[in-house]
Amino acid sequence: MTSECHPRLSEAACAKLQSDYVDIRREMRQQANETGEAAAIPITVMQLEAIIRLNESLAKMKLSHVATESDVTEVLRLFKVSTMDAARSGINQHIHFTPDMANDIK
């Protein structure tokens, strides 16, 4: 017998994700204002969609039909460690962007 699990974010998880997304965007904007430079890797709607998929995947690994606030907390922690810290560390200085890629980032 095969069972399928297609988790979705709970309302509380959606609210937390929305709030945290806005906070991250605000932090990035503040950092850009303080340094005078655009954020190295801004959090975009595409990244938000990936974060949602990661939340659903985390719930699926637990065979849960609902992604919870704790799932959101863990996925955002992973996002910050992997993406945000990499951007702050200057790793992007070692990546050679095409002019189109650099324009997309700006």
PDB file of N, CA and C in Angstrom:
ATOM      1  N   MET A   1       0.839  -1.179   0.000  1.00  0.00           N
ATOM      2  CA  MET A   1       0.000   0.000   0.000  1.00  0.00           C
ATOM      3  C   MET A   1       0.885   1.244   0.000  1.00  0.00           C
ATOM      4  N   THR A   2       0.592   2.166  -0.861  1.00  0.00           N
ATOM      5  CA  THR A   2       1.351   3.395  -0.963  1.00  0.00           C
ATOM      6  C   THR A   2       0.545   4.537  -0.372  1.00  0.00           C
ATOM      7  N   SER A   3       1.167   5.290   0.479  1.00  0.00           N
ATOM      8  CA  SER A   3       0.492   6.472   1.003  1.00  0.00           C
ATOM      9  C   SER A   3       1.237   7.701   0.514  1.00  0.00           C
ATOM     10  N   GLU A   4       0.500   8.743   0.345  1.00  0.00           N
ATOM     11  CA  GLU A   4       1.088   9.986  -0.142  1.00  0.00           C
ATOM     12  C   GLU A   4       0.988  11.039   0.936  1.00  0.00           C
ATOM     13  N   CYS A   5       1.973  11.881   0.981  1.00  0.00           N
ATOM     14  CA  CYS A   5       2.025  12.951   1.965  1.00  0.00           C
ATOM     15  C   CYS A   5       2.332  14.242   1.222  1.00  0.00           C
ATOM     16  N   HIS A   6       1.410  15.162   1.239  1.00  0.00           N
ATOM     17  CA  HIS A   6       1.581  16.455   0.563  1.00  0.00           C
ATOM     18  C   HIS A   6       1.356  17.564   1.585  1.00  0.00           C
ATOM     19  N   PRO A   7       2.349  17.812   2.425  1.00  0.00           N
ATOM     20  CA  PRO A   7       2.176  18.800   3.500  1.00  0.00           C
ATOM     21  C   PRO A   7       1.965  20.206   2.972  1.00  0.00           C
ATOM     22  N   ARG A   8       1.255  20.977   3.758  1.00  0.00           N
ATOM     23  CA  ARG A   8       1.046  22.399   3.501  1.00  0.00           C
ATOM     24  C   ARG A   8       1.347  23.147   4.784  1.00  0.00           C
ATOM     25  N   LEU A   9       1.676  24.422   4.654  1.00  0.00           N
ATOM     26  CA  LEU A   9       1.952  25.248   5.825  1.00  0.00           C
ATOM     27  C   LEU A   9       0.674  25.498   6.619  1.00  0.00           C
ATOM     28  N   SER A  10       0.771  25.398   7.935  1.00  0.00           N
ATOM     29  CA  SER A  10      -0.362  25.756   8.792  1.00  0.00           C
ATOM     30  C   SER A  10      -0.527  27.275   8.746  1.00  0.00           C
ATOM     31  N   GLU A  11      -1.674  27.758   9.212  1.00  0.00           N
ATOM     32  CA  GLU A  11      -1.894  29.213   9.227  1.00  0.00           C
ATOM     33  C   GLU A  11      -0.864  29.903  10.107  1.00  0.00           C
ATOM     34  N   ALA A  12      -0.564  29.311  11.260  1.00  0.00           N
ATOM     35  CA  ALA A  12       0.431  29.890  12.165  1.00  0.00           C
ATOM     36  C   ALA A  12       1.815  29.900  11.510  1.00  0.00           C
ATOM     37  N   ALA A  13       2.144  28.839  10.796  1.00  0.00           N
ATOM     38  CA  ALA A  13       3.435  28.770  10.103  1.00  0.00           C
ATOM     39  C   ALA A  13       3.500  29.823   9.000  1.00  0.00           C
ATOM     40  N   CYS A  14       2.398  30.022   8.293  1.00  0.00           N
ATOM     41  CA  CYS A  14       2.353  31.060   7.246  1.00  0.00           C
ATOM     42  C   CYS A  14       2.589  32.440   7.849  1.00  0.00           C
ATOM     43  N   ALA A  15       1.935  32.703   8.974  1.00  0.00           N
ATOM     44  CA  ALA A  15       2.074  34.004   9.630  1.00  0.00           C
ATOM     45  C   ALA A  15       3.519  34.220  10.085  1.00  0.00           C
ATOM     46  N   LYS A  16       4.124  33.181  10.654  1.00  0.00           N
ATOM     47  CA  LYS A  16       5.514  33.282  11.109  1.00  0.00           C
ATOM     48  C   LYS A  16       6.445  33.508   9.929  1.00  0.00           C
ATOM     49  N   LEU A  17       6.247  32.754   8.867  1.00  0.00           N
ATOM     50  CA  LEU A  17       7.094  32.900   7.685  1.00  0.00           C
ATOM     51  C   LEU A  17       6.962  34.303   7.097  1.00  0.00           C
ATOM     52  N   GLN A  18       5.744  34.797   7.020  1.00  0.00           N
ATOM     53  CA  GLN A  18       5.514  36.139   6.491  1.00  0.00           C
ATOM     54  C   GLN A  18       6.231  37.183   7.346  1.00  0.00           C
ATOM     55  N   SER A  19       6.088  37.085   8.641  1.00  0.00           N
ATOM     56  CA  SER A  19       6.713  38.032   9.558  1.00  0.00           C
ATOM     57  C   SER A  19       8.236  37.976   9.458  1.00  0.00           C
ATOM     58  N   ASP A  20       8.786  36.769   9.452  1.00  0.00           N
ATOM     59  CA  ASP A  20      10.239  36.618   9.382  1.00  0.00           C
ATOM     60  C   ASP A  20      10.790  37.069   8.030  1.00  0.00           C
ATOM     61  N   TYR A  21      10.054  36.815   6.957  1.00  0.00           N
ATOM     62  CA  TYR A  21      10.469  37.256   5.624  1.00  0.00           C
ATOM     63  C   TYR A  21      10.563  38.783   5.591  1.00  0.00           C
ATOM     64  N   VAL A  22       9.544  39.443   6.143  1.00  0.00           N
ATOM     65  CA  VAL A  22       9.536  40.912   6.185  1.00  0.00           C
ATOM     66  C   VAL A  22      10.720  41.411   7.022  1.00  0.00           C
ATOM     67  N   ASP A  23      10.995  40.750   8.148  1.00  0.00           N
ATOM     68  CA  ASP A  23      12.120  41.144   8.997  1.00  0.00           C
ATOM     69  C   ASP A  23      13.455  40.990   8.269  1.00  0.00           C
ATOM     70  N   ILE A  24      13.634  39.888   7.550  1.00  0.00           N
ATOM     71  CA  ILE A  24      14.877  39.671   6.806  1.00  0.00           C
ATOM     72  C   ILE A  24      15.029  40.743   5.729  1.00  0.00           C
ATOM     73  N   ARG A  25      13.947  41.034   5.017  1.00  0.00           N
ATOM     74  CA  ARG A  25      13.999  42.080   3.986  1.00  0.00           C
ATOM     75  C   ARG A  25      14.367  43.428   4.602  1.00  0.00           C
ATOM     76  N   ARG A  26      13.795  43.723   5.760  1.00  0.00           N
ATOM     77  CA  ARG A  26      14.077  44.985   6.456  1.00  0.00           C
ATOM     78  C   ARG A  26      15.554  45.042   6.858  1.00  0.00           C
ATOM     79  N   GLU A  27      16.076  43.931   7.392  1.00  0.00           N
ATOM     80  CA  GLU A  27      17.485  43.880   7.778  1.00  0.00           C
ATOM     81  C   GLU A  27      18.395  44.100   6.575  1.00  0.00           C
ATOM     82  N   MET A  28      18.065  43.462   5.464  1.00  0.00           N
ATOM     83  CA  MET A  28      18.885  43.610   4.254  1.00  0.00           C
ATOM     84  C   MET A  28      18.851  45.058   3.753  1.00  0.00           C
ATOM     85  N   ARG A  29      17.660  45.674   3.803  1.00  0.00           N
ATOM     86  CA  ARG A  29      17.526  47.061   3.364  1.00  0.00           C
ATOM     87  C   ARG A  29      18.322  47.985   4.288  1.00  0.00           C
ATOM     88  N   GLN A  30      18.254  47.734   5.604  1.00  0.00           N
ATOM     89  CA  GLN A  30      18.993  48.537   6.566  1.00  0.00           C
ATOM     90  C   GLN A  30      20.497  48.387   6.350  1.00  0.00           C
ATOM     91  N   GLN A  31      20.936  47.157   6.118  1.00  0.00           N
ATOM     92  CA  GLN A  31      22.355  46.910   5.859  1.00  0.00           C
ATOM     93  C   GLN A  31      22.808  47.649   4.607  1.00  0.00           C
ATOM     94  N   ALA A  32      21.978  47.631   3.578  1.00  0.00           N
ATOM     95  CA  ALA A  32      22.318  48.332   2.333  1.00  0.00           C
ATOM     96  C   ALA A  32      22.403  49.843   2.572  1.00  0.00           C
ATOM     97  N   ASN A  33      21.492  50.373   3.384  1.00  0.00           N
ATOM     98  CA  ASN A  33      21.512  51.809   3.680  1.00  0.00           C
ATOM     99  C   ASN A  33      22.748  52.196   4.482  1.00  0.00           C
ATOM    100  N   GLU A  34      23.147  51.326   5.412  1.00  0.00           N
ATOM    101  CA  GLU A  34      24.303  51.622   6.255  1.00  0.00           C
ATOM    102  C   GLU A  34      25.615  51.529   5.493  1.00  0.00           C
ATOM    103  N   THR A  35      25.726  50.568   4.610  1.00  0.00           N
ATOM    104  CA  THR A  35      26.979  50.368   3.879  1.00  0.00           C
ATOM    105  C   THR A  35      27.023  51.134   2.562  1.00  0.00           C
ATOM    106  N   GLY A  36      25.855  51.523   2.070  1.00  0.00           N
ATOM    107  CA  GLY A  36      25.801  52.211   0.792  1.00  0.00           C
ATOM    108  C   GLY A  36      25.893  51.281  -0.398  1.00  0.00           C
ATOM    109  N   GLU A  37      25.885  49.967  -0.121  1.00  0.00           N
ATOM    110  CA  GLU A  37      25.969  48.976  -1.188  1.00  0.00           C
ATOM    111  C   GLU A  37      24.727  48.104  -1.168  1.00  0.00           C
ATOM    112  N   ALA A  38      24.369  47.606  -2.332  1.00  0.00           N
ATOM    113  CA  ALA A  38      23.233  46.689  -2.410  1.00  0.00           C
ATOM    114  C   ALA A  38      23.599  45.393  -1.702  1.00  0.00           C
ATOM    115  N   ALA A  39      22.594  44.726  -1.150  1.00  0.00           N
ATOM    116  CA  ALA A  39      22.824  43.451  -0.479  1.00  0.00           C
ATOM    117  C   ALA A  39      23.465  42.478  -1.461  1.00  0.00           C
ATOM    118  N   ALA A  40      24.442  41.723  -0.984  1.00  0.00           N
ATOM    119  CA  ALA A  40      25.156  40.784  -1.854  1.00  0.00           C
ATOM    120  C   ALA A  40      24.207  39.748  -2.433  1.00  0.00           C
ATOM    121  N   ILE A  41      23.384  39.173  -1.592  1.00  0.00           N
ATOM    122  CA  ILE A  41      22.396  38.203  -2.048  1.00  0.00           C
ATOM    123  C   ILE A  41      21.072  38.563  -1.383  1.00  0.00           C
ATOM    124  N   PRO A  42      20.249  39.345  -2.064  1.00  0.00           N
ATOM    125  CA  PRO A  42      18.982  39.739  -1.459  1.00  0.00           C
ATOM    126  C   PRO A  42      18.023  38.553  -1.377  1.00  0.00           C
ATOM    127  N   ILE A  43      17.130  38.596  -0.398  1.00  0.00           N
ATOM    128  CA  ILE A  43      16.106  37.558  -0.318  1.00  0.00           C
ATOM    129  C   ILE A  43      14.984  37.981  -1.252  1.00  0.00           C
ATOM    130  N   THR A  44      14.690  37.135  -2.201  1.00  0.00           N
ATOM    131  CA  THR A  44      13.713  37.447  -3.233  1.00  0.00           C
ATOM    132  C   THR A  44      12.483  36.557  -3.078  1.00  0.00           C
ATOM    133  N   VAL A  45      11.486  36.837  -3.880  1.00  0.00           N
ATOM    134  CA  VAL A  45      10.283  36.007  -3.881  1.00  0.00           C
ATOM    135  C   VAL A  45      10.650  34.578  -4.286  1.00  0.00           C
ATOM    136  N   MET A  46      11.601  34.420  -5.191  1.00  0.00           N
ATOM    137  CA  MET A  46      12.026  33.081  -5.603  1.00  0.00           C
ATOM    138  C   MET A  46      12.612  32.321  -4.403  1.00  0.00           C
ATOM    139  N   GLN A  47      13.398  33.018  -3.591  1.00  0.00           N
ATOM    140  CA  GLN A  47      13.945  32.378  -2.401  1.00  0.00           C
ATOM    141  C   GLN A  47      12.843  32.060  -1.394  1.00  0.00           C
ATOM    142  N   LEU A  48      11.857  32.948  -1.286  1.00  0.00           N
ATOM    143  CA  LEU A  48      10.728  32.681  -0.398  1.00  0.00           C
ATOM    144  C   LEU A  48       9.999  31.419  -0.838  1.00  0.00           C
ATOM    145  N   GLU A  49       9.795  31.256  -2.132  1.00  0.00           N
ATOM    146  CA  GLU A  49       9.151  30.045  -2.646  1.00  0.00           C
ATOM    147  C   GLU A  49       9.971  28.804  -2.320  1.00  0.00           C
ATOM    148  N   ALA A  50      11.289  28.921  -2.414  1.00  0.00           N
ATOM    149  CA  ALA A  50      12.156  27.794  -2.066  1.00  0.00           C
ATOM    150  C   ALA A  50      12.049  27.478  -0.581  1.00  0.00           C
ATOM    151  N   ILE A  51      11.960  28.502   0.250  1.00  0.00           N
ATOM    152  CA  ILE A  51      11.809  28.303   1.690  1.00  0.00           C
ATOM    153  C   ILE A  51      10.495  27.591   1.985  1.00  0.00           C
ATOM    154  N   ILE A  52       9.446  27.946   1.286  1.00  0.00           N
ATOM    155  CA  ILE A  52       8.154  27.268   1.462  1.00  0.00           C
ATOM    156  C   ILE A  52       8.282  25.794   1.086  1.00  0.00           C
ATOM    157  N   ARG A  53       8.928  25.510  -0.050  1.00  0.00           N
ATOM    158  CA  ARG A  53       9.110  24.116  -0.466  1.00  0.00           C
ATOM    159  C   ARG A  53       9.946  23.339   0.544  1.00  0.00           C
ATOM    160  N   LEU A  54      10.970  23.987   1.100  1.00  0.00           N
ATOM    161  CA  LEU A  54      11.785  23.324   2.121  1.00  0.00           C
ATOM    162  C   LEU A  54      10.963  23.013   3.371  1.00  0.00           C
ATOM    163  N   ASN A  55      10.072  23.927   3.746  1.00  0.00           N
ATOM    164  CA  ASN A  55       9.187  23.668   4.887  1.00  0.00           C
ATOM    165  C   ASN A  55       8.311  22.455   4.623  1.00  0.00           C
ATOM    166  N   GLU A  56       7.755  22.396   3.442  1.00  0.00           N
ATOM    167  CA  GLU A  56       6.911  21.256   3.088  1.00  0.00           C
ATOM    168  C   GLU A  56       7.726  19.968   3.044  1.00  0.00           C
ATOM    169  N   SER A  57       8.965  20.055   2.577  1.00  0.00           N
ATOM    170  CA  SER A  57       9.827  18.869   2.537  1.00  0.00           C
ATOM    171  C   SER A  57      10.190  18.399   3.937  1.00  0.00           C
ATOM    172  N   LEU A  58      10.458  19.336   4.826  1.00  0.00           N
ATOM    173  CA  LEU A  58      10.780  18.975   6.198  1.00  0.00           C
ATOM    174  C   LEU A  58       9.597  18.266   6.851  1.00  0.00           C
ATOM    175  N   ALA A  59       8.388  18.779   6.624  1.00  0.00           N
ATOM    176  CA  ALA A  59       7.191  18.127   7.161  1.00  0.00           C
ATOM    177  C   ALA A  59       7.012  16.747   6.539  1.00  0.00           C
ATOM    178  N   LYS A  60       7.294  16.648   5.262  1.00  0.00           N
ATOM    179  CA  LYS A  60       7.156  15.356   4.572  1.00  0.00           C
ATOM    180  C   LYS A  60       8.115  14.317   5.147  1.00  0.00           C
ATOM    181  N   MET A  61       9.327  14.746   5.497  1.00  0.00           N
ATOM    182  CA  MET A  61      10.285  13.815   6.091  1.00  0.00           C
ATOM    183  C   MET A  61       9.761  13.259   7.410  1.00  0.00           C
ATOM    184  N   LYS A  62       8.921  14.040   8.083  1.00  0.00           N
ATOM    185  CA  LYS A  62       8.332  13.587   9.350  1.00  0.00           C
ATOM    186  C   LYS A  62       6.979  12.910   9.115  1.00  0.00           C
ATOM    187  N   LEU A  63       6.605  12.759   7.834  1.00  0.00           N
ATOM    188  CA  LEU A  63       5.307  12.194   7.447  1.00  0.00           C
ATOM    189  C   LEU A  63       4.149  12.955   8.060  1.00  0.00           C
ATOM    190  N   SER A  64       4.316  14.271   8.142  1.00  0.00           N
ATOM    191  CA  SER A  64       3.277  15.146   8.675  1.00  0.00           C
ATOM    192  C   SER A  64       2.567  15.823   7.506  1.00  0.00           C
ATOM    193  N   HIS A  65       1.287  16.015   7.645  1.00  0.00           N
ATOM    194  CA  HIS A  65       0.517  16.685   6.596  1.00  0.00           C
ATOM    195  C   HIS A  65       0.535  18.197   6.741  1.00  0.00           C
ATOM    196  N   VAL A  66       1.167  18.673   7.818  1.00  0.00           N
ATOM    197  CA  VAL A  66       1.189  20.106   8.090  1.00  0.00           C
ATOM    198  C   VAL A  66       2.604  20.535   8.470  1.00  0.00           C
ATOM    199  N   ALA A  67       3.072  21.599   7.831  1.00  0.00           N
ATOM    200  CA  ALA A  67       4.345  22.209   8.215  1.00  0.00           C
ATOM    201  C   ALA A  67       4.036  23.228   9.307  1.00  0.00           C
ATOM    202  N   THR A  68       4.758  23.128  10.409  1.00  0.00           N
ATOM    203  CA  THR A  68       4.468  23.928  11.588  1.00  0.00           C
ATOM    204  C   THR A  68       5.419  25.112  11.738  1.00  0.00           C
ATOM    205  N   GLU A  69       5.170  25.908  12.777  1.00  0.00           N
ATOM    206  CA  GLU A  69       6.041  27.035  13.075  1.00  0.00           C
ATOM    207  C   GLU A  69       7.463  26.565  13.370  1.00  0.00           C
ATOM    208  N   SER A  70       7.601  25.419  14.023  1.00  0.00           N
ATOM    209  CA  SER A  70       8.949  24.915  14.306  1.00  0.00           C
ATOM    210  C   SER A  70       9.661  24.528  13.011  1.00  0.00           C
ATOM    211  N   ASP A  71       8.913  24.058  12.025  1.00  0.00           N
ATOM    212  CA  ASP A  71       9.518  23.770  10.713  1.00  0.00           C
ATOM    213  C   ASP A  71      10.012  25.065  10.079  1.00  0.00           C
ATOM    214  N   VAL A  72       9.208  26.121  10.169  1.00  0.00           N
ATOM    215  CA  VAL A  72       9.600  27.427   9.617  1.00  0.00           C
ATOM    216  C   VAL A  72      10.872  27.916  10.304  1.00  0.00           C
ATOM    217  N   THR A  73      10.917  27.796  11.619  1.00  0.00           N
ATOM    218  CA  THR A  73      12.094  28.228  12.373  1.00  0.00           C
ATOM    219  C   THR A  73      13.343  27.490  11.902  1.00  0.00           C
ATOM    220  N   GLU A  74      13.243  26.177  11.738  1.00  0.00           N
ATOM    221  CA  GLU A  74      14.396  25.383  11.317  1.00  0.00           C
ATOM    222  C   GLU A  74      14.819  25.722   9.888  1.00  0.00           C
ATOM    223  N   VAL A  75      13.869  25.855   8.986  1.00  0.00           N
ATOM    224  CA  VAL A  75      14.213  26.162   7.594  1.00  0.00           C
ATOM    225  C   VAL A  75      14.834  27.549   7.485  1.00  0.00           C
ATOM    226  N   LEU A  76      14.315  28.518   8.224  1.00  0.00           N
ATOM    227  CA  LEU A  76      14.912  29.854   8.187  1.00  0.00           C
ATOM    228  C   LEU A  76      16.314  29.840   8.792  1.00  0.00           C
ATOM    229  N   ARG A  77      16.529  29.028   9.812  1.00  0.00           N
ATOM    230  CA  ARG A  77      17.868  28.888  10.382  1.00  0.00           C
ATOM    231  C   ARG A  77      18.824  28.348   9.313  1.00  0.00           C
ATOM    232  N   LEU A  78      18.388  27.308   8.614  1.00  0.00           N
ATOM    233  CA  LEU A  78      19.208  26.729   7.553  1.00  0.00           C
ATOM    234  C   LEU A  78      19.471  27.742   6.439  1.00  0.00           C
ATOM    235  N   PHE A  79      18.441  28.493   6.063  1.00  0.00           N
ATOM    236  CA  PHE A  79      18.587  29.511   5.030  1.00  0.00           C
ATOM    237  C   PHE A  79      19.616  30.556   5.445  1.00  0.00           C
ATOM    238  N   LYS A  80      19.492  31.025   6.678  1.00  0.00           N
ATOM    239  CA  LYS A  80      20.419  32.061   7.143  1.00  0.00           C
ATOM    240  C   LYS A  80      21.841  31.545   7.192  1.00  0.00           C
ATOM    241  N   VAL A  81      22.025  30.339   7.658  1.00  0.00           N
ATOM    242  CA  VAL A  81      23.373  29.769   7.749  1.00  0.00           C
ATOM    243  C   VAL A  81      23.953  29.566   6.358  1.00  0.00           C
ATOM    244  N   SER A  82      23.175  29.002   5.470  1.00  0.00           N
ATOM    245  CA  SER A  82      23.710  28.655   4.154  1.00  0.00           C
ATOM    246  C   SER A  82      23.817  29.853   3.221  1.00  0.00           C
ATOM    247  N   THR A  83      22.785  30.627   3.120  1.00  0.00           N
ATOM    248  CA  THR A  83      22.753  31.700   2.124  1.00  0.00           C
ATOM    249  C   THR A  83      23.238  33.034   2.667  1.00  0.00           C
ATOM    250  N   MET A  84      22.638  33.468   3.753  1.00  0.00           N
ATOM    251  CA  MET A  84      22.953  34.781   4.280  1.00  0.00           C
ATOM    252  C   MET A  84      24.394  34.843   4.793  1.00  0.00           C
ATOM    253  N   ASP A  85      24.827  33.843   5.546  1.00  0.00           N
ATOM    254  CA  ASP A  85      26.195  33.847   6.059  1.00  0.00           C
ATOM    255  C   ASP A  85      27.207  33.754   4.923  1.00  0.00           C
ATOM    256  N   ALA A  86      26.884  32.995   3.902  1.00  0.00           N
ATOM    257  CA  ALA A  86      27.789  32.897   2.749  1.00  0.00           C
ATOM    258  C   ALA A  86      27.928  34.261   2.083  1.00  0.00           C
ATOM    259  N   ALA A  87      26.828  34.980   1.970  1.00  0.00           N
ATOM    260  CA  ALA A  87      26.876  36.309   1.353  1.00  0.00           C
ATOM    261  C   ALA A  87      27.693  37.272   2.205  1.00  0.00           C
ATOM    262  N   ARG A  88      27.493  37.215   3.507  1.00  0.00           N
ATOM    263  CA  ARG A  88      28.220  38.117   4.410  1.00  0.00           C
ATOM    264  C   ARG A  88      29.705  37.780   4.485  1.00  0.00           C
ATOM    265  N   SER A  89      30.048  36.533   4.247  1.00  0.00           N
ATOM    266  CA  SER A  89      31.448  36.110   4.359  1.00  0.00           C
ATOM    267  C   SER A  89      32.287  36.589   3.183  1.00  0.00           C
ATOM    268  N   GLY A  90      31.646  37.072   2.152  1.00  0.00           N
ATOM    269  CA  GLY A  90      32.374  37.535   0.983  1.00  0.00           C
ATOM    270  C   GLY A  90      32.594  36.456  -0.045  1.00  0.00           C
ATOM    271  N   ILE A  91      31.904  35.331   0.116  1.00  0.00           N
ATOM    272  CA  ILE A  91      32.077  34.235  -0.843  1.00  0.00           C
ATOM    273  C   ILE A  91      31.730  34.692  -2.257  1.00  0.00           C
ATOM    274  N   ASN A  92      30.815  35.659  -2.349  1.00  0.00           N
ATOM    275  CA  ASN A  92      30.409  36.139  -3.665  1.00  0.00           C
ATOM    276  C   ASN A  92      31.539  36.884  -4.376  1.00  0.00           C
ATOM    277  N   GLN A  93      32.586  37.293  -3.632  1.00  0.00           N
ATOM    278  CA  GLN A  93      33.718  37.964  -4.265  1.00  0.00           C
ATOM    279  C   GLN A  93      34.551  36.984  -5.084  1.00  0.00           C
ATOM    280  N   HIS A  94      34.391  35.693  -4.799  1.00  0.00           N
ATOM    281  CA  HIS A  94      35.141  34.677  -5.514  1.00  0.00           C
ATOM    282  C   HIS A  94      34.359  34.089  -6.682  1.00  0.00           C
ATOM    283  N   ILE A  95      33.141  34.561  -6.849  1.00  0.00           N
ATOM    284  CA  ILE A  95      32.293  34.081  -7.932  1.00  0.00           C
ATOM    285  C   ILE A  95      32.333  35.110  -9.046  1.00  0.00           C
ATOM    286  N   HIS A  96      32.512  34.649 -10.244  1.00  0.00           N
ATOM    287  CA  HIS A  96      32.558  35.564 -11.379  1.00  0.00           C
ATOM    288  C   HIS A  96      31.177  35.615 -12.026  1.00  0.00           C
ATOM    289  N   PHE A  97      30.530  36.767 -11.864  1.00  0.00           N
ATOM    290  CA  PHE A  97      29.192  36.948 -12.414  1.00  0.00           C
ATOM    291  C   PHE A  97      29.284  37.509 -13.825  1.00  0.00           C
ATOM    292  N   THR A  98      28.394  37.038 -14.681  1.00  0.00           N
ATOM    293  CA  THR A  98      28.273  37.664 -15.989  1.00  0.00           C
ATOM    294  C   THR A  98      27.609  39.017 -15.768  1.00  0.00           C
ATOM    295  N   PRO A  99      27.723  39.941 -16.718  1.00  0.00           N
ATOM    296  CA  PRO A  99      27.046  41.233 -16.553  1.00  0.00           C
ATOM    297  C   PRO A  99      25.533  41.075 -16.320  1.00  0.00           C
ATOM    298  N   ASP A 100      24.910  40.102 -16.976  1.00  0.00           N
ATOM    299  CA  ASP A 100      23.478  39.883 -16.771  1.00  0.00           C
ATOM    300  C   ASP A 100      23.179  39.413 -15.360  1.00  0.00           C
ATOM    301  N   MET A 101      24.022  38.503 -14.845  1.00  0.00           N
ATOM    302  CA  MET A 101      23.828  38.027 -13.478  1.00  0.00           C
ATOM    303  C   MET A 101      24.001  39.166 -12.479  1.00  0.00           C
ATOM    304  N   ALA A 102      25.025  39.976 -12.660  1.00  0.00           N
ATOM    305  CA  ALA A 102      25.266  41.107 -11.758  1.00  0.00           C
ATOM    306  C   ALA A 102      24.092  42.070 -11.803  1.00  0.00           C
ATOM    307  N   ASN A 103      23.538  42.281 -12.983  1.00  0.00           N
ATOM    308  CA  ASN A 103      22.389  43.168 -13.123  1.00  0.00           C
ATOM    309  C   ASN A 103      21.175  42.597 -12.409  1.00  0.00           C
ATOM    310  N   ASP A 104      20.970  41.293 -12.520  1.00  0.00           N
ATOM    311  CA  ASP A 104      19.848  40.649 -11.831  1.00  0.00           C
ATOM    312  C   ASP A 104      19.972  40.793 -10.319  1.00  0.00           C
ATOM    313  N   ILE A 105      21.166  40.680  -9.788  1.00  0.00           N
ATOM    314  CA  ILE A 105      21.384  40.818  -8.355  1.00  0.00           C
ATOM    315  C   ILE A 105      21.088  42.233  -7.898  1.00  0.00           C
ATOM    316  N   LYS A 106      21.526  43.216  -8.696  1.00  0.00           N
ATOM    317  CA  LYS A 106      21.232  44.606  -8.340  1.00  0.00           C
ATOM    318  C   LYS A 106      19.752  44.863  -8.390  1.00  0.00           C
TER     319      LYS A 106
END
